[in-house]
Amino acid sequence: MISHSIQSSINDEYNSKVAVVLVTFYPDLNRLQESLFELSLQVKHVILVDNNSLNINEYIILNLKKNIELDLEFLQLTENTGIAGGLNKGINRARDQGFSYVLLMDQDSIPLPNMVKTLQENMIELESSGFHVAATGPRFCDSNGKNLSYFSRHSYWRTQRLECNEGTKSVLVDILISSGTLLSIGAIDQIGLMDETLFIDHVDTEWCLRAKFAGWSIFGVCDAYMYHTLGDRRQKFWFLRWRYISYHLPFRYYYIFRNGVILMRRPYISLAWKLYCFNQLCMLFGYFVLFAPNRWLNLRMMWHGLVDVWHGNSGKLKVDLSNSD
C-alpha cells in the first residue's frame, strides 16, 4: 500500500489546481469519513457543501477529518437547495479561490487510487489534441467491486455501449453522472452553472447536453475508477435482454419524470436523447406497474411530476405526498 505522504507527493503536480466540491444531505458519517480520507490522498482542498442536514456540523466535521491531511472547507446552507444548488455554491467558491478544475462528488462515492490524476491527465492530453473538453469522468462499481459501469452514447431508441478495450484511454460520451466528474472552470464560465430549477435528477444530464450543444466534448476515462451505487439498490430483470433497474425512494420518481419531460421540451437537447428518455420513462412506468413494491406511491409521484410539468412548476417538490390520502 502506498503511504499517505508518498501518494500526496505523486499527485502534488495535479492536485494544487483541483478543488473537490462534495455535496451532502444527511450523509452516512462513516462513509463520508472514508470518502474524505481517500480524497485526501489525491487532492489538497475539499469544499463540503451541506444542504441543511441535522446530523452534521463543524464540530462533527473536525472529528471526521482527524488524522487526515486535508484542507477542508465546510459550507452549511440554511435550506436544502438540492444537488444543483449545492454544486453551484461549491463551484463558485472554487472559482473565487483561483482553482482551475473542480471535481464533483456525492456523499456516497469513494475514489479509487489516482482517479483525479488520471482524469486530469486525460483532459490535458485531449485538449492538446484539439478537443474543447468540458469534463472527464470515471467508471464506477458497487462497493463490493461488482457491476462495473460502462460508458455510452444515445442512439435514438437505444443506448450504444462503448467498450473500454485494451489501449483505449478515453471515449467520447453524451453524458456523465455528476459524481466523480472533473470539470474545467474555463468550460463552466462559458457553458454556465448547474440548472437549479431541476433540483436533483437530470442535473448532470442537462449540463452535459448543454455543453455538447455549445460545441464542447465530454469524455469517459477508462482507467479512472470509483465506488458508487446508483439508487438505494439495484435489481436485475429480463425484458428482451437482461437489464438492471435502480430503486429509489418514492419522491425521486417525481423528479425523474418531471425533469425528464422538462428536458424533452428544451430545444438544445438532442433528438436522440429525447427519444431515449421517452423510452426509459415508458419502461420505468411499465416495470413499476407490474413488478415493483410501493407501486401506488411510486406511480403517484410519477403522475404528480407530469402534472407539475403541465403547470410549469420546477425546483423543490412543494407538497409531501408520501403520507397524504
Protein backbone atom coordinates (compact mmCIF):
# COMPACT_ATOMS: atom_id res chain seq x y z
CA MET A 1 0.00 0.00 0.00
CA ILE A 2 1.31 3.47 -0.92
CA SER A 3 1.76 5.69 2.12
CA HIS A 4 -0.17 8.91 2.51
CA SER A 5 2.93 11.13 2.14
CA ILE A 6 4.27 9.33 -0.95
CA GLN A 7 0.86 9.32 -2.65
CA SER A 8 0.39 13.02 -1.92
CA SER A 9 3.81 13.78 -3.39
CA ILE A 10 3.00 11.83 -6.55
CA ASN A 11 -0.20 13.80 -7.09
CA ASP A 12 1.06 17.21 -5.94
CA GLU A 13 1.66 18.41 -9.51
CA TYR A 14 -2.03 17.99 -10.23
CA ASN A 15 -4.00 18.42 -7.03
CA SER A 16 -2.98 22.02 -6.37
CA LYS A 17 -5.20 23.07 -9.29
CA VAL A 18 -8.20 20.91 -8.31
CA ALA A 19 -10.82 21.63 -5.68
CA VAL A 20 -13.35 18.96 -4.75
CA VAL A 21 -16.96 20.05 -4.38
CA LEU A 22 -18.70 17.47 -2.20
CA VAL A 23 -22.43 17.96 -1.58
CA THR A 24 -24.12 16.24 1.37
CA PHE A 25 -27.63 15.77 2.67
CA TYR A 26 -27.97 13.63 5.82
CA PRO A 27 -24.82 11.67 4.94
CA ASP A 28 -23.69 8.35 6.38
CA LEU A 29 -20.83 9.71 8.50
CA ASN A 30 -18.69 6.57 8.31
CA ARG A 31 -18.97 6.51 4.52
CA LEU A 32 -18.25 10.24 4.37
CA GLN A 33 -15.13 9.85 6.50
CA GLU A 34 -13.89 7.09 4.20
CA SER A 35 -14.51 9.29 1.18
CA LEU A 36 -12.66 12.23 2.75
CA PHE A 37 -9.67 10.04 3.58
CA GLU A 38 -9.40 8.69 0.03
CA LEU A 39 -9.81 12.19 -1.39
CA SER A 40 -7.03 13.46 0.89
CA LEU A 41 -4.62 11.12 -0.90
CA GLN A 42 -5.36 12.80 -4.21
CA VAL A 43 -6.26 16.46 -3.60
CA LYS A 44 -5.45 19.20 -1.13
CA HIS A 45 -8.70 21.14 -0.92
CA VAL A 46 -12.28 19.95 -0.41
CA ILE A 47 -15.30 22.26 -0.27
CA LEU A 48 -18.01 20.35 1.56
CA VAL A 49 -21.43 21.91 0.95
CA ASP A 50 -24.17 20.58 3.22
CA ASN A 51 -27.83 21.05 2.34
CA ASN A 52 -29.04 21.84 5.87
CA SER A 53 -28.64 18.35 7.37
CA LEU A 54 -29.25 17.99 11.10
CA ASN A 55 -26.69 15.20 11.55
CA ILE A 56 -23.62 17.23 10.59
CA ASN A 57 -21.96 20.44 11.79
CA GLU A 58 -18.49 21.99 12.09
CA TYR A 59 -17.66 20.01 15.25
CA ILE A 60 -18.55 16.72 13.58
CA ILE A 61 -16.53 17.69 10.50
CA LEU A 62 -13.47 18.37 12.68
CA ASN A 63 -13.81 14.90 14.17
CA LEU A 64 -14.25 13.29 10.78
CA LYS A 65 -11.02 14.76 9.45
CA LYS A 66 -8.83 13.81 12.42
CA ASN A 67 -5.58 12.25 11.20
CA ILE A 68 -6.45 13.26 7.63
CA GLU A 69 -4.14 15.75 5.90
CA LEU A 70 -6.76 17.79 4.09
CA ASP A 71 -7.75 21.43 3.76
CA LEU A 72 -11.47 21.03 4.33
CA GLU A 73 -13.81 23.99 3.91
CA PHE A 74 -17.31 23.47 5.33
CA LEU A 75 -20.27 25.41 3.96
CA GLN A 76 -23.55 24.62 5.72
CA LEU A 77 -26.58 26.02 3.94
CA THR A 78 -29.68 27.19 5.78
CA GLU A 79 -32.02 25.32 3.43
CA ASN A 80 -31.95 22.34 1.10
CA THR A 81 -31.04 23.73 -2.33
CA GLY A 82 -30.77 20.33 -4.00
CA ILE A 83 -27.74 18.83 -5.68
CA ALA A 84 -27.68 21.62 -8.29
CA GLY A 85 -27.73 24.44 -5.73
CA GLY A 86 -25.09 22.76 -3.58
CA LEU A 87 -22.78 22.17 -6.54
CA ASN A 88 -23.14 25.76 -7.70
CA LYS A 89 -22.26 27.11 -4.25
CA GLY A 90 -19.11 24.99 -4.21
CA ILE A 91 -18.13 25.74 -7.81
CA ASN A 92 -18.43 29.48 -7.24
CA ARG A 93 -16.30 29.18 -4.11
CA ALA A 94 -13.62 27.22 -6.00
CA ARG A 95 -13.61 29.80 -8.80
CA ASP A 96 -13.21 32.64 -6.30
CA GLN A 97 -10.17 30.89 -4.84
CA GLY A 98 -8.48 30.54 -8.23
CA PHE A 99 -8.77 26.80 -8.85
CA SER A 100 -8.63 25.62 -12.47
CA TYR A 101 -10.73 22.47 -12.04
CA VAL A 102 -13.48 21.16 -9.81
CA LEU A 103 -14.11 17.51 -9.04
CA LEU A 104 -17.79 16.93 -8.23
CA MET A 105 -18.51 14.26 -5.63
CA ASP A 106 -21.56 12.72 -3.97
CA GLN A 107 -21.51 11.83 -0.28
CA ASP A 108 -21.61 8.07 -1.08
CA SER A 109 -18.83 8.00 -3.70
CA ILE A 110 -15.27 6.92 -2.91
CA PRO A 111 -12.47 7.50 -5.43
CA LEU A 112 -10.01 4.72 -6.16
CA PRO A 113 -6.25 5.49 -6.26
CA ASN A 114 -5.08 8.07 -8.81
CA MET A 115 -8.61 8.76 -10.09
CA VAL A 116 -8.17 12.54 -10.01
CA LYS A 117 -4.74 12.47 -11.61
CA THR A 118 -5.93 10.15 -14.36
CA LEU A 119 -8.95 12.34 -15.12
CA GLN A 120 -6.84 15.48 -15.25
CA GLU A 121 -4.05 13.94 -17.34
CA ASN A 122 -6.59 12.76 -19.89
CA MET A 123 -8.28 16.17 -20.01
CA ILE A 124 -4.96 17.92 -20.64
CA GLU A 125 -3.96 15.37 -23.30
CA LEU A 126 -7.30 15.67 -25.09
CA GLU A 127 -7.14 19.46 -25.01
CA SER A 128 -3.65 19.34 -26.55
CA SER A 129 -5.14 17.21 -29.34
CA GLY A 130 -7.59 19.99 -30.21
CA PHE A 131 -10.71 19.00 -28.27
CA HIS A 132 -12.69 21.55 -26.27
CA VAL A 133 -13.10 19.35 -23.20
CA ALA A 134 -15.79 20.33 -20.72
CA ALA A 135 -15.49 17.30 -18.44
CA THR A 136 -13.93 13.90 -17.92
CA GLY A 137 -15.40 11.19 -15.71
CA PRO A 138 -14.55 7.75 -14.32
CA ARG A 139 -16.14 4.33 -14.44
CA PHE A 140 -17.73 3.17 -11.20
CA CYS A 141 -18.66 -0.03 -9.45
CA ASP A 142 -20.58 -1.07 -6.33
CA SER A 143 -18.74 -1.02 -3.01
CA ASN A 144 -18.36 -4.81 -3.28
CA GLY A 145 -16.40 -4.32 -6.52
CA LYS A 146 -19.14 -5.71 -8.79
CA ASN A 147 -21.23 -4.23 -11.61
CA LEU A 148 -18.54 -2.11 -13.25
CA SER A 149 -20.24 0.63 -15.27
CA TYR A 150 -19.73 1.30 -18.94
CA PHE A 151 -19.80 4.50 -20.95
CA SER A 152 -22.48 5.12 -23.54
CA ARG A 153 -23.89 7.32 -26.26
CA HIS A 154 -27.55 7.65 -27.10
CA SER A 155 -28.67 6.40 -30.47
CA TYR A 156 -32.35 7.32 -30.66
CA TRP A 157 -34.31 4.41 -29.14
CA ARG A 158 -31.36 2.63 -27.57
CA THR A 159 -28.09 3.12 -25.71
CA GLN A 160 -24.88 2.47 -27.60
CA ARG A 161 -22.48 0.79 -25.22
CA LEU A 162 -18.87 1.97 -25.55
CA GLU A 163 -16.24 -0.61 -24.70
CA CYS A 164 -13.01 0.24 -22.94
CA ASN A 165 -10.76 -2.10 -24.89
CA GLU A 166 -7.09 -2.58 -24.13
CA GLY A 167 -5.19 0.55 -25.04
CA THR A 168 -8.29 2.78 -25.03
CA LYS A 169 -7.66 5.75 -22.76
CA SER A 170 -10.93 7.62 -23.17
CA VAL A 171 -14.18 7.55 -25.12
CA LEU A 172 -16.40 10.37 -26.33
CA VAL A 173 -19.73 10.20 -24.46
CA ASP A 174 -23.01 12.08 -24.28
CA ILE A 175 -23.33 12.38 -20.50
CA LEU A 176 -21.57 11.57 -17.25
CA ILE A 177 -23.03 11.24 -13.79
CA SER A 178 -22.08 14.24 -11.69
CA SER A 179 -20.21 12.30 -9.01
CA GLY A 180 -16.58 11.77 -9.94
CA THR A 181 -16.70 14.20 -12.86
CA LEU A 182 -13.82 16.63 -13.33
CA LEU A 183 -14.89 19.97 -14.83
CA SER A 184 -12.78 22.78 -16.19
CA ILE A 185 -13.58 26.16 -14.64
CA GLY A 186 -12.95 27.69 -18.05
CA ALA A 187 -15.65 25.47 -19.53
CA ILE A 188 -18.10 26.32 -16.73
CA ASP A 189 -17.52 30.03 -17.35
CA GLN A 190 -18.72 29.58 -20.94
CA ILE A 191 -21.34 26.84 -20.52
CA GLY A 192 -22.83 28.06 -17.25
CA LEU A 193 -23.56 26.54 -13.87
CA MET A 194 -25.93 23.69 -13.00
CA ASP A 195 -29.65 24.26 -13.57
CA GLU A 196 -31.08 24.77 -10.08
CA THR A 197 -34.68 24.53 -11.32
CA LEU A 198 -34.12 20.77 -11.75
CA PHE A 199 -33.09 20.43 -8.07
CA ILE A 200 -31.94 16.77 -8.16
CA ASP A 201 -32.39 14.38 -11.07
CA HIS A 202 -31.01 15.01 -14.56
CA VAL A 203 -28.89 17.92 -13.32
CA ASP A 204 -25.77 16.24 -14.71
CA THR A 205 -27.58 15.17 -17.89
CA GLU A 206 -28.77 18.70 -18.64
CA TRP A 207 -25.34 20.25 -18.10
CA CYS A 208 -23.58 17.70 -20.31
CA LEU A 209 -26.11 18.05 -23.14
CA ARG A 210 -25.97 21.84 -22.86
CA ALA A 211 -22.17 21.63 -23.10
CA LYS A 212 -22.39 19.43 -26.20
CA PHE A 213 -24.87 21.81 -27.83
CA ALA A 214 -22.36 24.64 -27.23
CA GLY A 215 -19.62 22.68 -29.01
CA TRP A 216 -17.82 21.13 -26.05
CA SER A 217 -16.84 17.48 -25.64
CA ILE A 218 -17.43 15.08 -22.74
CA PHE A 219 -15.13 12.10 -22.22
CA GLY A 220 -15.26 8.96 -20.12
CA VAL A 221 -11.83 7.86 -18.92
CA CYS A 222 -11.32 4.11 -19.00
CA ASP A 223 -8.61 3.84 -16.32
CA ALA A 224 -10.24 6.09 -13.72
CA TYR A 225 -12.45 4.33 -11.16
CA MET A 226 -14.54 4.97 -8.06
CA TYR A 227 -17.02 3.19 -5.83
CA HIS A 228 -20.56 4.43 -6.35
CA THR A 229 -24.03 2.92 -6.21
CA LEU A 230 -26.95 4.22 -8.24
CA GLY A 231 -30.13 4.29 -6.18
CA ASP A 232 -30.81 2.54 -2.90
CA ARG A 233 -30.45 -0.88 -4.53
CA ARG A 234 -30.36 -2.47 -7.97
CA GLN A 235 -32.49 -5.27 -9.40
CA LYS A 236 -31.70 -7.43 -12.42
CA PHE A 237 -34.64 -8.31 -14.67
CA TRP A 238 -35.34 -9.64 -18.16
CA PHE A 239 -37.03 -7.60 -20.89
CA LEU A 240 -35.74 -8.61 -24.35
CA ARG A 241 -32.34 -8.80 -22.61
CA TRP A 242 -31.01 -8.70 -19.07
CA ARG A 243 -31.25 -5.23 -17.59
CA TYR A 244 -30.65 -3.50 -14.26
CA ILE A 245 -33.06 -1.10 -12.63
CA SER A 246 -32.16 1.15 -9.72
CA TYR A 247 -34.68 1.52 -6.91
CA HIS A 248 -35.07 4.94 -5.30
CA LEU A 249 -37.18 6.41 -2.56
CA PRO A 250 -40.64 7.31 -3.96
CA PHE A 251 -40.09 11.09 -4.06
CA ARG A 252 -37.23 10.62 -6.54
CA TYR A 253 -39.64 9.39 -9.21
CA TYR A 254 -41.34 12.77 -9.09
CA TYR A 255 -38.07 14.41 -10.16
CA ILE A 256 -37.10 11.69 -12.64
CA PHE A 257 -40.38 12.05 -14.56
CA ARG A 258 -40.81 15.81 -14.16
CA ASN A 259 -37.26 16.68 -15.14
CA GLY A 260 -37.12 14.13 -17.93
CA VAL A 261 -40.16 15.70 -19.60
CA ILE A 262 -38.84 19.22 -18.93
CA LEU A 263 -35.64 18.37 -20.79
CA MET A 264 -37.55 16.74 -23.66
CA ARG A 265 -39.24 20.11 -24.22
CA ARG A 266 -36.00 22.09 -24.46
CA PRO A 267 -34.69 22.92 -27.95
CA TYR A 268 -30.98 22.38 -27.24
CA ILE A 269 -31.48 18.78 -26.07
CA SER A 270 -30.69 16.32 -28.87
CA LEU A 271 -33.48 14.36 -30.51
CA ALA A 272 -31.57 11.14 -29.80
CA TRP A 273 -31.64 11.79 -26.06
CA LYS A 274 -35.30 12.85 -26.12
CA LEU A 275 -36.32 9.56 -27.74
CA TYR A 276 -34.07 7.62 -25.37
CA CYS A 277 -35.59 9.39 -22.36
CA PHE A 278 -39.15 8.79 -23.58
CA ASN A 279 -38.34 5.09 -23.97
CA GLN A 280 -36.77 4.92 -20.49
CA LEU A 281 -39.72 6.62 -18.81
CA CYS A 282 -42.17 4.27 -20.52
CA MET A 283 -40.21 1.19 -19.44
CA LEU A 284 -39.85 2.54 -15.90
CA PHE A 285 -43.58 3.17 -15.69
CA GLY A 286 -44.36 -0.33 -17.02
CA TYR A 287 -41.94 -2.02 -14.64
CA PHE A 288 -43.41 -0.29 -11.59
CA VAL A 289 -46.97 -1.10 -12.66
CA LEU A 290 -46.18 -4.79 -12.96
CA PHE A 291 -43.39 -5.67 -10.55
CA ALA A 292 -42.22 -3.05 -8.09
CA PRO A 293 -43.11 -2.70 -4.39
CA ASN A 294 -44.75 0.56 -3.23
CA ARG A 295 -46.15 0.75 -6.75
CA TRP A 296 -49.06 3.07 -6.00
CA LEU A 297 -46.98 5.62 -4.14
CA ASN A 298 -44.28 5.48 -6.83
CA LEU A 299 -46.85 5.89 -9.59
CA ARG A 300 -48.47 8.75 -7.71
CA MET A 301 -45.13 10.54 -7.55
CA MET A 302 -44.57 9.96 -11.28
CA TRP A 303 -48.02 11.34 -12.09
CA HIS A 304 -47.51 14.38 -9.86
CA GLY A 305 -44.24 15.09 -11.69
CA LEU A 306 -46.07 15.10 -15.02
CA VAL A 307 -48.81 17.34 -13.63
CA ASP A 308 -46.22 19.83 -12.41
CA VAL A 309 -44.67 19.95 -15.88
CA TRP A 310 -48.11 20.91 -17.21
CA HIS A 311 -48.42 23.66 -14.60
CA GLY A 312 -44.87 24.91 -15.17
CA ASN A 313 -43.64 24.02 -11.67
CA SER A 314 -39.95 23.35 -11.07
CA GLY A 315 -37.44 23.48 -8.24
CA LYS A 316 -38.04 21.61 -5.00
CA LEU A 317 -41.16 19.45 -4.61
CA LYS A 318 -43.61 21.70 -2.80
CA VAL A 319 -46.01 19.07 -1.37
CA ASP A 320 -45.17 15.92 0.57
CA LEU A 321 -47.40 13.25 -0.97
CA SER A 322 -45.91 10.29 0.87
CA ASN A 323 -48.40 10.45 3.75
CA SER A 324 -51.40 12.01 2.03
CA ASP A 325 -54.62 10.11 1.48
